[in-house]
Amino acid sequence: MRRRVLILEDEAMLALVLADIVRSAGLEVVGPARSREEALRLLTVETPTLALVDYCLADGPCDGVCDVLSASGIPFLWLTGFDPAELPPGAESVFRKPIDVEALLLSLRLHATARPLESAGAGDGLAVD
């Protein structure tokens, strides 16, 4: 099964850097999505195996998107400038901005080599209200 990573980041340059990091870990990129609306739209047509999530996107905090990810069994990592104590629970890890690229790459490589997930097929999409 292909490992696919959804990137939720509203800063264009950082989204490009994240996409390069994801690819260098041997994973495919979904997105990036700059807003909650765009992320939810992508999730109706794509089923990533992991998401990198900036807590505050162009149209506000992305709690609702993370609720959809969690309900669908898709793990996510926070990428944020916020204090981790201020973030809603549910993320597997928190990477504070500026991001430690080596630590993120290690986390992505571990995801790439983890045992395959049974339910997440590429392109299946999720039911999003």
N, C-alpha and C. Protein backbone atom coordinates (compact mmCIF):
# COMPACT_ATOMS: atom_id res chain seq x y z
N MET A 1 0.83 -1.19 0.00
CA MET A 1 0.00 0.00 0.00
C MET A 1 0.87 1.25 0.00
N ARG A 2 0.49 2.21 -0.80
CA ARG A 2 1.23 3.47 -0.86
C ARG A 2 0.95 4.30 0.39
N ARG A 3 1.98 4.86 0.95
CA ARG A 3 1.84 5.76 2.10
C ARG A 3 1.73 7.18 1.56
N ARG A 4 0.65 7.85 1.97
CA ARG A 4 0.36 9.18 1.43
C ARG A 4 0.16 10.14 2.60
N VAL A 5 0.76 11.32 2.49
CA VAL A 5 0.74 12.30 3.57
C VAL A 5 0.02 13.56 3.11
N LEU A 6 -1.05 13.89 3.82
CA LEU A 6 -1.78 15.14 3.58
C LEU A 6 -1.06 16.26 4.30
N ILE A 7 -0.77 17.34 3.59
CA ILE A 7 -0.12 18.50 4.18
C ILE A 7 -1.15 19.61 4.32
N LEU A 8 -1.35 20.09 5.54
CA LEU A 8 -2.23 21.22 5.82
C LEU A 8 -1.34 22.35 6.33
N GLU A 9 -1.06 23.30 5.45
CA GLU A 9 -0.16 24.41 5.77
C GLU A 9 -0.53 25.59 4.89
N ASP A 10 -0.75 26.76 5.52
CA ASP A 10 -1.17 27.92 4.75
C ASP A 10 -0.02 28.80 4.27
N GLU A 11 1.19 28.57 4.75
CA GLU A 11 2.34 29.31 4.27
C GLU A 11 2.93 28.56 3.07
N ALA A 12 2.83 29.17 1.89
CA ALA A 12 3.19 28.49 0.65
C ALA A 12 4.62 27.95 0.64
N MET A 13 5.58 28.74 1.07
CA MET A 13 6.98 28.29 1.05
C MET A 13 7.19 27.10 1.98
N LEU A 14 6.60 27.17 3.17
CA LEU A 14 6.74 26.06 4.12
C LEU A 14 6.05 24.81 3.58
N ALA A 15 4.91 24.98 2.92
CA ALA A 15 4.21 23.83 2.32
C ALA A 15 5.09 23.15 1.28
N LEU A 16 5.81 23.93 0.47
CA LEU A 16 6.72 23.36 -0.52
C LEU A 16 7.88 22.60 0.15
N VAL A 17 8.42 23.18 1.20
CA VAL A 17 9.51 22.53 1.94
C VAL A 17 9.00 21.23 2.55
N LEU A 18 7.82 21.26 3.15
CA LEU A 18 7.24 20.05 3.75
C LEU A 18 7.03 18.96 2.69
N ALA A 19 6.56 19.37 1.52
CA ALA A 19 6.34 18.40 0.44
C ALA A 19 7.67 17.74 0.05
N ASP A 20 8.74 18.52 -0.02
CA ASP A 20 10.06 17.95 -0.33
C ASP A 20 10.50 16.98 0.76
N ILE A 21 10.27 17.33 2.01
CA ILE A 21 10.64 16.45 3.13
C ILE A 21 9.86 15.14 3.05
N VAL A 22 8.56 15.24 2.79
CA VAL A 22 7.71 14.05 2.69
C VAL A 22 8.22 13.14 1.57
N ARG A 23 8.49 13.72 0.42
CA ARG A 23 8.99 12.93 -0.72
C ARG A 23 10.35 12.30 -0.41
N SER A 24 11.21 13.04 0.29
CA SER A 24 12.53 12.49 0.62
C SER A 24 12.44 11.32 1.59
N ALA A 25 11.33 11.21 2.30
CA ALA A 25 11.09 10.08 3.20
C ALA A 25 10.48 8.90 2.44
N GLY A 26 10.27 9.07 1.13
CA GLY A 26 9.72 7.99 0.32
C GLY A 26 8.20 7.90 0.34
N LEU A 27 7.56 9.00 0.70
CA LEU A 27 6.10 9.04 0.79
C LEU A 27 5.53 9.95 -0.29
N GLU A 28 4.26 9.74 -0.60
CA GLU A 28 3.56 10.59 -1.57
C GLU A 28 2.89 11.76 -0.86
N VAL A 29 2.78 12.86 -1.56
CA VAL A 29 2.16 14.07 -1.02
C VAL A 29 0.72 14.19 -1.49
N VAL A 30 -0.16 14.52 -0.56
CA VAL A 30 -1.54 14.89 -0.87
C VAL A 30 -1.66 16.36 -0.47
N GLY A 31 -2.14 17.18 -1.38
CA GLY A 31 -2.25 18.61 -1.10
C GLY A 31 -1.03 19.33 -1.65
N PRO A 32 -0.66 20.39 -1.00
CA PRO A 32 -1.08 20.86 0.31
C PRO A 32 -2.42 21.61 0.30
N ALA A 33 -3.05 21.61 1.45
CA ALA A 33 -4.28 22.37 1.66
C ALA A 33 -3.95 23.60 2.49
N ARG A 34 -4.44 24.76 2.05
CA ARG A 34 -4.15 26.02 2.75
C ARG A 34 -5.25 26.42 3.73
N SER A 35 -6.41 25.75 3.63
CA SER A 35 -7.55 26.11 4.48
C SER A 35 -8.28 24.86 4.95
N ARG A 36 -9.12 25.05 5.96
CA ARG A 36 -9.94 23.93 6.44
C ARG A 36 -10.85 23.45 5.32
N GLU A 37 -11.46 24.38 4.61
CA GLU A 37 -12.37 24.03 3.52
C GLU A 37 -11.67 23.18 2.46
N GLU A 38 -10.48 23.60 2.08
CA GLU A 38 -9.72 22.85 1.09
C GLU A 38 -9.33 21.47 1.61
N ALA A 39 -8.95 21.38 2.88
CA ALA A 39 -8.58 20.10 3.47
C ALA A 39 -9.78 19.14 3.49
N LEU A 40 -10.93 19.63 3.89
CA LEU A 40 -12.12 18.77 3.93
C LEU A 40 -12.52 18.33 2.52
N ARG A 41 -12.36 19.21 1.55
CA ARG A 41 -12.65 18.85 0.16
C ARG A 41 -11.70 17.75 -0.31
N LEU A 42 -10.41 17.89 0.00
CA LEU A 42 -9.44 16.87 -0.38
C LEU A 42 -9.77 15.52 0.27
N LEU A 43 -10.22 15.56 1.52
CA LEU A 43 -10.52 14.32 2.23
C LEU A 43 -11.74 13.59 1.68
N THR A 44 -12.54 14.25 0.84
CA THR A 44 -13.66 13.55 0.21
C THR A 44 -13.20 12.71 -0.98
N VAL A 45 -12.00 12.99 -1.50
CA VAL A 45 -11.50 12.26 -2.67
C VAL A 45 -10.19 11.53 -2.42
N GLU A 46 -9.54 11.80 -1.32
CA GLU A 46 -8.25 11.18 -0.99
C GLU A 46 -8.32 10.58 0.41
N THR A 47 -7.58 9.50 0.61
CA THR A 47 -7.46 8.91 1.94
C THR A 47 -5.98 8.79 2.28
N PRO A 48 -5.44 9.81 2.94
CA PRO A 48 -4.03 9.75 3.32
C PRO A 48 -3.82 8.74 4.45
N THR A 49 -2.58 8.36 4.65
CA THR A 49 -2.24 7.47 5.76
C THR A 49 -1.68 8.25 6.94
N LEU A 50 -1.40 9.55 6.72
CA LEU A 50 -0.87 10.44 7.75
C LEU A 50 -1.15 11.86 7.31
N ALA A 51 -1.26 12.78 8.27
CA ALA A 51 -1.42 14.19 7.94
C ALA A 51 -0.45 15.03 8.77
N LEU A 52 0.13 16.04 8.12
CA LEU A 52 0.93 17.05 8.80
C LEU A 52 0.06 18.28 8.87
N VAL A 53 -0.23 18.74 10.09
CA VAL A 53 -1.26 19.75 10.28
C VAL A 53 -0.73 20.98 11.00
N ASP A 54 -0.80 22.12 10.32
CA ASP A 54 -0.58 23.40 10.96
C ASP A 54 -1.88 23.73 11.68
N TYR A 55 -1.82 23.98 12.97
CA TYR A 55 -3.05 24.16 13.74
C TYR A 55 -3.92 25.31 13.22
N CYS A 56 -3.31 26.43 12.87
CA CYS A 56 -4.11 27.57 12.43
C CYS A 56 -3.86 27.82 10.94
N LEU A 57 -4.87 27.49 10.14
CA LEU A 57 -4.78 27.65 8.68
C LEU A 57 -5.33 29.00 8.27
N ALA A 58 -5.37 29.27 6.99
CA ALA A 58 -5.80 30.56 6.46
C ALA A 58 -7.20 30.95 6.94
N ASP A 59 -8.09 29.96 7.14
CA ASP A 59 -9.45 30.27 7.58
C ASP A 59 -9.71 29.88 9.03
N GLY A 60 -8.65 29.73 9.83
CA GLY A 60 -8.81 29.52 11.26
C GLY A 60 -8.30 28.17 11.74
N PRO A 61 -8.51 27.90 13.04
CA PRO A 61 -8.06 26.64 13.63
C PRO A 61 -8.71 25.43 12.95
N CYS A 62 -7.96 24.36 12.86
CA CYS A 62 -8.43 23.21 12.09
C CYS A 62 -8.91 22.05 12.95
N ASP A 63 -9.51 22.36 14.09
CA ASP A 63 -10.03 21.31 14.97
C ASP A 63 -10.98 20.36 14.22
N GLY A 64 -11.88 20.91 13.43
CA GLY A 64 -12.86 20.09 12.71
C GLY A 64 -12.21 19.12 11.75
N VAL A 65 -11.16 19.57 11.06
CA VAL A 65 -10.43 18.69 10.15
C VAL A 65 -9.79 17.55 10.94
N CYS A 66 -9.20 17.89 12.08
CA CYS A 66 -8.55 16.86 12.90
C CYS A 66 -9.58 15.89 13.48
N ASP A 67 -10.78 16.36 13.75
CA ASP A 67 -11.86 15.46 14.18
C ASP A 67 -12.16 14.43 13.09
N VAL A 68 -12.20 14.88 11.84
CA VAL A 68 -12.45 13.98 10.71
C VAL A 68 -11.30 12.99 10.58
N LEU A 69 -10.06 13.48 10.68
CA LEU A 69 -8.90 12.59 10.60
C LEU A 69 -8.96 11.53 11.69
N SER A 70 -9.20 11.96 12.92
CA SER A 70 -9.25 11.02 14.04
C SER A 70 -10.37 10.01 13.88
N ALA A 71 -11.55 10.47 13.48
CA ALA A 71 -12.69 9.56 13.30
C ALA A 71 -12.43 8.55 12.20
N SER A 72 -11.56 8.90 11.27
CA SER A 72 -11.23 8.02 10.14
C SER A 72 -10.00 7.15 10.41
N GLY A 73 -9.42 7.31 11.59
CA GLY A 73 -8.24 6.52 11.94
C GLY A 73 -6.96 6.97 11.26
N ILE A 74 -6.93 8.23 10.82
CA ILE A 74 -5.75 8.77 10.15
C ILE A 74 -4.93 9.55 11.18
N PRO A 75 -3.73 9.08 11.49
CA PRO A 75 -2.91 9.81 12.47
C PRO A 75 -2.45 11.15 11.90
N PHE A 76 -2.21 12.09 12.80
CA PHE A 76 -1.71 13.39 12.34
C PHE A 76 -0.67 13.92 13.32
N LEU A 77 0.18 14.79 12.78
CA LEU A 77 1.22 15.45 13.55
C LEU A 77 0.96 16.95 13.50
N TRP A 78 1.02 17.61 14.65
CA TRP A 78 0.90 19.06 14.65
C TRP A 78 2.23 19.67 14.21
N LEU A 79 2.16 20.68 13.35
CA LEU A 79 3.29 21.52 12.96
C LEU A 79 2.85 22.93 13.29
N THR A 80 3.37 23.52 14.36
CA THR A 80 2.77 24.74 14.85
C THR A 80 3.74 25.63 15.61
N GLY A 81 3.37 26.88 15.70
CA GLY A 81 4.08 27.82 16.55
C GLY A 81 3.43 27.92 17.92
N PHE A 82 2.26 27.30 18.08
CA PHE A 82 1.54 27.33 19.35
C PHE A 82 2.23 26.46 20.39
N ASP A 83 2.02 26.81 21.65
CA ASP A 83 2.48 25.98 22.75
C ASP A 83 1.68 24.68 22.71
N PRO A 84 2.34 23.53 22.80
CA PRO A 84 1.62 22.25 22.74
C PRO A 84 0.49 22.14 23.76
N ALA A 85 0.61 22.82 24.90
CA ALA A 85 -0.45 22.77 25.92
C ALA A 85 -1.73 23.46 25.44
N GLU A 86 -1.64 24.32 24.43
CA GLU A 86 -2.79 25.04 23.90
C GLU A 86 -3.52 24.27 22.80
N LEU A 87 -2.94 23.16 22.36
CA LEU A 87 -3.50 22.41 21.23
C LEU A 87 -4.49 21.35 21.70
N PRO A 88 -5.50 21.10 20.89
CA PRO A 88 -6.42 20.00 21.21
C PRO A 88 -5.67 18.67 21.19
N PRO A 89 -6.13 17.70 21.96
CA PRO A 89 -5.46 16.40 21.96
C PRO A 89 -5.72 15.64 20.66
N GLY A 90 -4.96 14.58 20.47
CA GLY A 90 -5.22 13.70 19.34
C GLY A 90 -4.04 13.49 18.41
N ALA A 91 -3.08 14.41 18.42
CA ALA A 91 -1.94 14.27 17.52
C ALA A 91 -0.96 13.23 18.06
N GLU A 92 -0.29 12.55 17.15
CA GLU A 92 0.73 11.59 17.54
C GLU A 92 1.98 12.29 18.06
N SER A 93 2.29 13.46 17.49
CA SER A 93 3.47 14.24 17.88
C SER A 93 3.20 15.71 17.61
N VAL A 94 4.00 16.56 18.25
CA VAL A 94 3.95 18.00 18.01
C VAL A 94 5.33 18.46 17.58
N PHE A 95 5.42 19.12 16.45
CA PHE A 95 6.66 19.72 15.97
C PHE A 95 6.47 21.23 16.01
N ARG A 96 7.26 21.90 16.86
CA ARG A 96 7.18 23.34 16.99
C ARG A 96 7.93 24.01 15.86
N LYS A 97 7.35 25.10 15.35
CA LYS A 97 8.02 25.90 14.33
C LYS A 97 9.02 26.81 15.02
N PRO A 98 10.21 27.00 14.49
CA PRO A 98 10.71 26.38 13.27
C PRO A 98 10.92 24.88 13.48
N ILE A 99 10.59 24.13 12.46
CA ILE A 99 10.55 22.68 12.55
C ILE A 99 11.96 22.09 12.50
N ASP A 100 12.19 21.12 13.37
CA ASP A 100 13.43 20.33 13.34
C ASP A 100 13.28 19.33 12.20
N VAL A 101 13.90 19.64 11.07
CA VAL A 101 13.72 18.84 9.86
C VAL A 101 14.16 17.40 10.07
N GLU A 102 15.27 17.19 10.74
CA GLU A 102 15.76 15.82 10.96
C GLU A 102 14.78 15.00 11.80
N ALA A 103 14.20 15.61 12.83
CA ALA A 103 13.22 14.90 13.67
C ALA A 103 11.96 14.58 12.87
N LEU A 104 11.51 15.52 12.05
CA LEU A 104 10.33 15.28 11.23
C LEU A 104 10.61 14.18 10.21
N LEU A 105 11.76 14.23 9.59
CA LEU A 105 12.14 13.22 8.61
C LEU A 105 12.19 11.83 9.25
N LEU A 106 12.72 11.74 10.45
CA LEU A 106 12.76 10.47 11.16
C LEU A 106 11.35 9.95 11.42
N SER A 107 10.47 10.83 11.86
CA SER A 107 9.08 10.44 12.12
C SER A 107 8.40 9.96 10.84
N LEU A 108 8.64 10.65 9.74
CA LEU A 108 8.05 10.26 8.46
C LEU A 108 8.61 8.93 7.98
N ARG A 109 9.91 8.73 8.15
CA ARG A 109 10.51 7.46 7.74
C ARG A 109 9.97 6.30 8.56
N LEU A 110 9.74 6.53 9.85
CA LEU A 110 9.12 5.49 10.68
C LEU A 110 7.72 5.17 10.16
N HIS A 111 6.98 6.19 9.78
CA HIS A 111 5.65 5.97 9.21
C HIS A 111 5.74 5.19 7.91
N ALA A 112 6.74 5.51 7.10
CA ALA A 112 6.89 4.85 5.79
C ALA A 112 7.19 3.36 5.94
N THR A 113 7.84 2.98 7.04
CA THR A 113 8.21 1.58 7.22
C THR A 113 7.29 0.83 8.17
N ALA A 114 6.29 1.52 8.70
CA ALA A 114 5.34 0.85 9.61
C ALA A 114 4.53 -0.18 8.84
N ARG A 115 3.96 -1.11 9.57
CA ARG A 115 3.15 -2.14 8.89
C ARG A 115 1.98 -1.47 8.19
N PRO A 116 1.56 -2.02 7.06
CA PRO A 116 0.47 -1.43 6.28
C PRO A 116 -0.83 -1.33 7.07
N LEU A 117 -1.56 -0.27 6.82
CA LEU A 117 -2.88 -0.10 7.41
C LEU A 117 -3.89 -0.86 6.57
N GLU A 118 -4.86 -1.43 7.20
CA GLU A 118 -5.85 -2.23 6.48
C GLU A 118 -6.87 -1.38 5.74
N SER A 119 -7.28 -0.25 6.33
CA SER A 119 -8.44 0.45 5.81
C SER A 119 -8.15 1.58 4.84
N ALA A 120 -6.96 2.10 4.81
CA ALA A 120 -6.71 3.30 4.01
C ALA A 120 -6.16 2.95 2.64
N GLY A 121 -7.01 3.07 1.64
CA GLY A 121 -6.60 2.84 0.26
C GLY A 121 -6.47 4.17 -0.45
N ALA A 122 -5.53 4.28 -1.33
CA ALA A 122 -5.30 5.53 -2.03
C ALA A 122 -6.50 5.92 -2.85
N GLY A 123 -6.93 7.17 -2.66
CA GLY A 123 -7.97 7.73 -3.51
C GLY A 123 -9.39 7.34 -3.16
N ASP A 124 -9.60 6.59 -2.08
CA ASP A 124 -10.95 6.18 -1.73
C ASP A 124 -11.81 7.35 -1.26
N GLY A 125 -11.21 8.29 -0.56
CA GLY A 125 -11.94 9.43 -0.01
C GLY A 125 -12.68 9.05 1.25
N LEU A 126 -13.07 10.06 2.00
CA LEU A 126 -13.79 9.88 3.25
C LEU A 126 -15.13 10.55 3.15
N ALA A 127 -16.07 10.08 3.92
CA ALA A 127 -17.37 10.76 3.99
C ALA A 127 -17.23 11.94 4.93
N VAL A 128 -17.31 13.15 4.41
CA VAL A 128 -17.15 14.36 5.20
C VAL A 128 -18.43 15.15 5.09
N ASP A 129 -18.97 15.53 6.26
CA ASP A 129 -20.20 16.33 6.27
C ASP A 129 -19.90 17.75 5.93
